[in-house]
Amino acid sequence: MLVQKYKDMLSAKSVIRQLSEFATARGAEIGYENVFDYSLGNPSVPTPREVTDAMVRMLREEDPMTLHGYSPSLGIPSVRKAIADYLKERTGLPYGMEHIFMASGAAGALAHAFRLVAEPGDEILTFAPFFPEYHPYVDLSGAVLKVVPPDTESFQIHFEAFERMLSPKTMAVLINTPNNPSGVVYSADTLRKLADVLKRRSEEYGHIIYLISDEPYREIVFTGVDSPWVSSFYDNTILCYSYSKSLSLPGERIGYVAVNPACGDAVDMIQMCGQISRGIGHNCPPSLIQLTVAEVQGKTADLSVYEINRDILYKELTELGFTCVKPGGTFYIFPKAPEEDAKAFCQKALRYDLVLVPGDTFGCPGYFRMAYCIDTEKVKRSLPALRKFVKEEYSM
């Protein structure tokens, strides 16, 4: 007999993926260049040359068994050391390789982090708007995801609602900054206040509330925006990182868990990640890509196009009358729809070959997301369609 919970998930597939599939099918009809697909957060800039060069050199010169054999369960030691050295230099925190676990992207890192600190039935809190895949990530671990309502004025943390939702069952708080879908970067004031609340409630409940910081967009931060280092604010922070966005390597599935060295159980937690891998199959990411990222610490793809696209869309949307918090990073923008039903709004947009994602799936009904990781030329060509859409449908 098939497992019912996974059968049930077939009728609740990712809205983002469904819209992306629609865009692909529509593109086959009219040419994908004529479909203004803002659905999927797939990086649109080339991988840095240094990444390709490192891989080519290793494939030519290194022992094939080193490149293609299984890595140790915690990751290749030299790779973990390279990452720890980089984090130590960048943050001033005393990271060592014993604080680093290599994972299959941020999703793999999160899968380990949840199981480190939450038993089945325990609660993990996150903040709307949030990445919708957090639900299956957390729920299928046996823990329970609770979503704190948004502060739609700024998309910083709604602290009054947060404090109300904390309970002795809360074992971790999950944040994502820079944020998907809003593009907002949490301020130092926000992180300082969050740390204060977590310290106070940890003492009150008699157990640590861990902070899990999901940071795949950490390097995509725009001019004049301060992006504080989350782990510097709270000792019991578990950082989950992916190279998918910073190096345009989503298909390679490589990232890591980095536990703040000030966390009392940091070394044990990394060792435990190796045991968690035995049960969930996220073990031993490919050796070649581990060795590659070790050689390009601090490098990024040319991410400047995302700020250019942000500026074009923010200007156009606000001039058309949309309410929108200006993104400080990522490649997403999250305006308020001109009607309460954002699903209906996004359905109407499809008539104009504009593929937008309703905010309901992000815990923010009435809003919609545009993933502007597309060519700037296509962003500009989408503007007449956007203007026609809102004029004909909403008289904007």
Foldseek 3Di string as FASTA:
>chain_A
DDDVVVVVCVVVDDPLVVLVVVLVVVCVVVNSLQFAAQRDQAFQFAFDPLLVVLLVVCVVDPDVCLQFPFDPFQGNQLLLQLVQVLCCVVPVFNGGSLQKGKFQFLLRLLLLVLLLWADQAAEEEEEPLADLCVQVSNVVNNYHYDYQYAPVVARQHPVVSVVVPDDLSQQEYEYEAVGPAALAAHDPVSLLVVQVSQVVVCVVSVHHYAYEYEYAFVPFFDPPDDHDDNCVRHQRYKYRYGLCHFRVPNVQRITMIGHRPSPPCSSVSSVVSSVVCVVPVRTGRRSSVSVSVSVQPPHGGPNVVLVVLLVVVVVLCVVVPWDWNRRRGDNKTKTFAPDQAQVVVQVLLVVLSHHWAASVSSVDGRIIMGRRSHDPVSSVVCSVSVVVSCCVPPVD
